[in-house]
Amino acid sequence: MLNDPPAEAQRRGVCLVIAAPSGAGKSSVSRALMDSEPALRLSVSATTRAPRTGEEEGVHYHFRSMAQFQAMVAAGEMLEHAEVFGRCYGTPRAPVEAALVSGRDVLFDIDWQGHRQLREAMPADTVSLFLLPPSMAELDRRLRGRGTDAEAEVARRMAAARAEISHWDEFDHVLVNDDFAGTVEQVRAVLRAARCTPARQPAMRGFVAGLLG
């Protein structure tokens, strides 16, 4: 959970955004990254949709009424938010800020629009990465492999993918996911490098002062 801090936080956490078109492997890369990085937790979004069977409050989503959600937006309590097919989704600010202060890194599963909002809200804390497929033909193959036989649905997803890919250069880092293990290692390298910046290590100033006497 985001509110489960380590005993001593020696650094400030990172907001890591991984965005990609559907079929580019974002979910698989994210799972592999979290399995190997114990300080990394997935951001839990708020939503106005009803819970599905097996979903738990605060674990899968923060379930809120439309009135509650709109009040959070009006009060500036959302880092980013969007409405999709009449349902609202967004990232509550408080648990993310608490995680960063306690030295936890937070992984965001959001699109380019959410990335824009998050970077505007927390520019010094956000590090972003965009995953590209090896080719559009390979992306088409992967989407068809999900069992969606309707040509219209495949065409819709491919059009959405092209729209998403057109924003690739808004991100800090870009990777072509043509080798899964290699991609995971490169994403891990981005995260670990972000942890080493001076802004992430407030205790370092005192350490350096001690070195210099």
Protein backbone atom coordinates (compact mmCIF):
# COMPACT_ATOMS: atom_id res chain seq x y z
CA MET A 1 0.00 0.00 0.00
CA LEU A 2 1.12 3.57 -0.62
CA ASN A 3 0.72 4.43 3.08
CA ASP A 4 3.09 1.68 4.24
CA PRO A 5 6.40 3.60 4.54
CA PRO A 6 9.82 2.15 5.31
CA ALA A 7 11.23 2.72 8.81
CA GLU A 8 13.61 5.40 7.53
CA ALA A 9 13.18 7.28 4.28
CA GLN A 10 16.59 8.43 3.03
CA ARG A 11 15.24 9.86 -0.21
CA ARG A 12 12.11 11.31 -1.79
CA GLY A 13 10.10 8.94 -3.95
CA VAL A 14 9.59 9.12 -7.71
CA CYS A 15 6.38 9.39 -9.74
CA LEU A 16 7.11 6.97 -12.59
CA VAL A 17 4.74 7.17 -15.56
CA ILE A 18 4.76 4.33 -18.10
CA ALA A 19 2.48 5.00 -21.07
CA ALA A 20 1.96 3.00 -24.24
CA PRO A 21 -0.69 2.11 -26.80
CA SER A 22 -2.79 -0.96 -26.07
CA GLY A 23 -0.81 -4.06 -27.07
CA ALA A 24 2.66 -2.56 -26.57
CA GLY A 25 3.28 -4.55 -23.39
CA LYS A 26 2.86 -1.90 -20.70
CA SER A 27 1.01 -4.12 -18.22
CA SER A 28 3.54 -6.95 -18.48
CA VAL A 29 6.49 -4.58 -18.12
CA SER A 30 4.86 -2.86 -15.13
CA ARG A 31 4.21 -6.16 -13.34
CA ALA A 32 7.78 -7.33 -13.90
CA LEU A 33 9.12 -4.03 -12.63
CA MET A 34 7.04 -4.10 -9.44
CA ASP A 35 8.05 -7.71 -8.78
CA SER A 36 11.70 -6.67 -8.70
CA GLU A 37 11.40 -3.24 -7.04
CA PRO A 38 9.94 -3.47 -3.51
CA ALA A 39 9.83 0.32 -3.07
CA LEU A 40 7.56 0.69 -6.11
CA ARG A 41 3.78 0.66 -5.73
CA LEU A 42 1.03 1.11 -8.29
CA SER A 43 -1.01 4.28 -7.85
CA VAL A 44 -4.60 3.53 -6.80
CA SER A 45 -7.09 5.61 -8.79
CA ALA A 46 -10.44 7.00 -7.69
CA THR A 47 -13.47 6.18 -9.81
CA THR A 48 -17.18 6.84 -9.88
CA ARG A 49 -18.03 3.41 -11.27
CA ALA A 50 -19.45 0.72 -9.00
CA PRO A 51 -17.10 -1.95 -7.60
CA ARG A 52 -16.94 -5.20 -9.52
CA THR A 53 -16.94 -8.61 -7.87
CA GLY A 54 -13.75 -9.07 -5.87
CA GLU A 55 -12.67 -5.42 -5.99
CA GLU A 56 -11.72 -3.82 -2.68
CA GLU A 57 -11.83 -0.19 -1.60
CA GLY A 58 -8.34 1.29 -1.48
CA VAL A 59 -6.77 -1.76 -3.14
CA HIS A 60 -8.16 -1.76 -6.67
CA TYR A 61 -9.79 1.69 -6.61
CA HIS A 62 -11.04 4.39 -4.30
CA PHE A 63 -14.76 4.19 -5.06
CA ARG A 64 -16.51 7.56 -4.87
CA SER A 65 -19.89 8.97 -5.84
CA MET A 66 -20.00 11.52 -8.64
CA ALA A 67 -20.62 14.29 -6.11
CA GLN A 68 -17.65 13.19 -3.99
CA PHE A 69 -15.40 12.97 -7.04
CA GLN A 70 -16.39 16.39 -8.31
CA ALA A 71 -15.82 17.88 -4.85
CA MET A 72 -12.30 16.39 -4.80
CA VAL A 73 -11.55 17.93 -8.20
CA ALA A 74 -12.90 21.32 -7.12
CA ALA A 75 -10.77 21.22 -3.96
CA GLY A 76 -7.60 20.46 -5.91
CA GLU A 77 -7.36 16.97 -4.39
CA MET A 78 -6.79 15.23 -7.76
CA LEU A 79 -3.43 15.17 -9.52
CA GLU A 80 -5.09 14.17 -12.78
CA HIS A 81 -8.57 13.12 -13.83
CA ALA A 82 -10.69 12.30 -16.86
CA GLU A 83 -14.20 11.24 -17.79
CA VAL A 84 -14.55 8.06 -19.86
CA PHE A 85 -17.99 6.95 -21.09
CA GLY A 86 -19.74 8.85 -18.30
CA ARG A 87 -17.49 7.54 -15.53
CA CYS A 88 -14.76 9.56 -13.86
CA TYR A 89 -11.27 8.35 -13.03
CA GLY A 90 -8.47 10.21 -11.31
CA THR A 91 -5.45 10.10 -9.01
CA PRO A 92 -5.95 11.40 -5.45
CA ARG A 93 -3.13 13.74 -4.44
CA ALA A 94 -2.80 12.91 -0.71
CA PRO A 95 -1.66 9.24 -0.87
CA VAL A 96 0.84 10.02 -3.64
CA GLU A 97 2.40 12.91 -1.73
CA ALA A 98 2.55 10.76 1.43
CA ALA A 99 4.31 7.99 -0.51
CA LEU A 100 6.90 10.36 -1.96
CA VAL A 101 7.72 11.87 1.43
CA SER A 102 8.17 8.39 2.92
CA GLY A 103 10.55 7.32 0.15
CA ARG A 104 8.09 5.20 -1.84
CA ASP A 105 8.06 5.30 -5.63
CA VAL A 106 4.65 5.41 -7.32
CA LEU A 107 3.93 3.82 -10.71
CA PHE A 108 1.22 5.47 -12.83
CA ASP A 109 -0.80 3.62 -15.44
CA ILE A 110 -2.14 6.68 -17.28
CA ASP A 111 -2.30 7.93 -20.87
CA TRP A 112 -0.64 10.97 -22.43
CA GLN A 113 -3.40 13.28 -21.20
CA GLY A 114 -2.99 12.06 -17.62
CA HIS A 115 0.76 12.46 -17.99
CA ARG A 116 0.34 16.09 -19.00
CA GLN A 117 -1.78 16.80 -15.95
CA LEU A 118 0.52 14.95 -13.56
CA ARG A 119 3.59 16.74 -14.87
CA GLU A 120 1.84 20.08 -14.46
CA ALA A 121 0.86 19.18 -10.89
CA MET A 122 4.19 17.63 -9.80
CA PRO A 123 6.87 18.62 -12.33
CA ALA A 124 9.84 18.01 -10.03
CA ASP A 125 8.67 14.51 -9.04
CA THR A 126 7.55 13.08 -12.39
CA VAL A 127 9.70 10.87 -14.60
CA SER A 128 7.96 9.48 -17.67
CA LEU A 129 8.57 6.75 -20.21
CA PHE A 130 6.75 5.81 -23.39
CA LEU A 131 6.79 2.26 -24.79
CA LEU A 132 6.57 1.76 -28.55
CA PRO A 133 5.78 -1.49 -30.37
CA PRO A 134 8.44 -2.89 -32.76
CA SER A 135 6.11 -2.13 -35.68
CA MET A 136 2.46 -1.40 -36.39
CA ALA A 137 2.18 -4.83 -38.01
CA GLU A 138 3.34 -6.45 -34.77
CA LEU A 139 0.92 -4.32 -32.77
CA ASP A 140 -1.91 -5.44 -35.06
CA ARG A 141 -0.86 -9.07 -34.54
CA ARG A 142 -0.85 -8.69 -30.76
CA LEU A 143 -4.28 -7.07 -30.71
CA ARG A 144 -5.73 -9.84 -32.87
CA GLY A 145 -4.10 -12.37 -30.59
CA ARG A 146 -6.24 -11.16 -27.70
CA GLY A 147 -9.21 -12.90 -29.25
CA THR A 148 -10.92 -9.87 -30.76
CA ASP A 149 -12.07 -11.12 -34.14
CA ALA A 150 -14.25 -8.17 -35.15
CA GLU A 151 -12.38 -6.22 -37.80
CA ALA A 152 -14.05 -2.99 -36.74
CA GLU A 153 -12.81 -3.40 -33.15
CA VAL A 154 -9.24 -4.10 -34.29
CA ALA A 155 -9.40 -1.04 -36.55
CA ARG A 156 -10.69 1.08 -33.65
CA ARG A 157 -7.85 -0.06 -31.39
CA MET A 158 -5.25 0.56 -34.07
CA ALA A 159 -6.59 4.08 -34.63
CA ALA A 160 -6.45 4.73 -30.88
CA ALA A 161 -2.88 3.39 -30.82
CA ARG A 162 -1.80 5.77 -33.59
CA ALA A 163 -3.32 8.69 -31.67
CA GLU A 164 -1.49 7.64 -28.49
CA ILE A 165 1.83 7.13 -30.28
CA SER A 166 1.65 10.63 -31.78
CA HIS A 167 2.44 12.00 -28.28
CA TRP A 168 5.60 9.92 -27.79
CA ASP A 169 7.94 12.92 -27.73
CA GLU A 170 6.20 14.48 -24.72
CA PHE A 171 7.87 11.90 -22.47
CA ASP A 172 11.30 11.94 -20.83
CA HIS A 173 12.30 8.52 -22.18
CA VAL A 174 11.19 6.36 -25.12
CA LEU A 175 11.79 2.63 -25.57
CA VAL A 176 10.90 0.19 -28.34
CA ASN A 177 9.57 -2.95 -26.67
CA ASP A 178 11.12 -5.50 -29.04
CA ASP A 179 12.75 -7.60 -26.30
CA PHE A 180 10.76 -8.01 -23.09
CA ALA A 181 13.63 -8.74 -20.69
CA GLY A 182 15.73 -5.97 -22.17
CA THR A 183 12.86 -3.50 -21.96
CA VAL A 184 12.23 -4.30 -18.29
CA GLU A 185 15.92 -3.80 -17.53
CA GLN A 186 15.96 -0.44 -19.32
CA VAL A 187 12.86 0.74 -17.45
CA ARG A 188 14.48 -0.35 -14.20
CA ALA A 189 17.57 1.67 -15.14
CA VAL A 190 15.42 4.77 -15.71
CA LEU A 191 13.81 4.35 -12.27
CA ARG A 192 17.10 3.79 -10.47
CA ALA A 193 18.73 6.76 -12.17
CA ALA A 194 15.80 8.98 -11.17
CA ARG A 195 16.31 7.96 -7.55
CA CYS A 196 19.88 9.29 -7.63
CA THR A 197 19.18 12.92 -8.54
CA PRO A 198 20.00 15.51 -5.84
CA ALA A 199 16.32 16.45 -5.53
CA ARG A 200 15.46 12.87 -4.55
CA GLN A 201 18.09 12.70 -1.81
CA PRO A 202 17.51 15.47 0.77
CA ALA A 203 19.77 13.72 3.31
CA MET A 204 22.69 13.94 0.89
CA ARG A 205 23.25 17.64 1.61
CA GLY A 206 24.09 16.89 5.23
CA PHE A 207 26.28 13.95 4.22
CA VAL A 208 28.25 16.08 1.79
CA ALA A 209 28.60 18.82 4.38
CA GLY A 210 30.11 16.24 6.70
CA LEU A 211 32.55 15.13 4.01
CA LEU A 212 33.70 18.68 3.48
CA GLY A 213 34.02 19.34 7.18
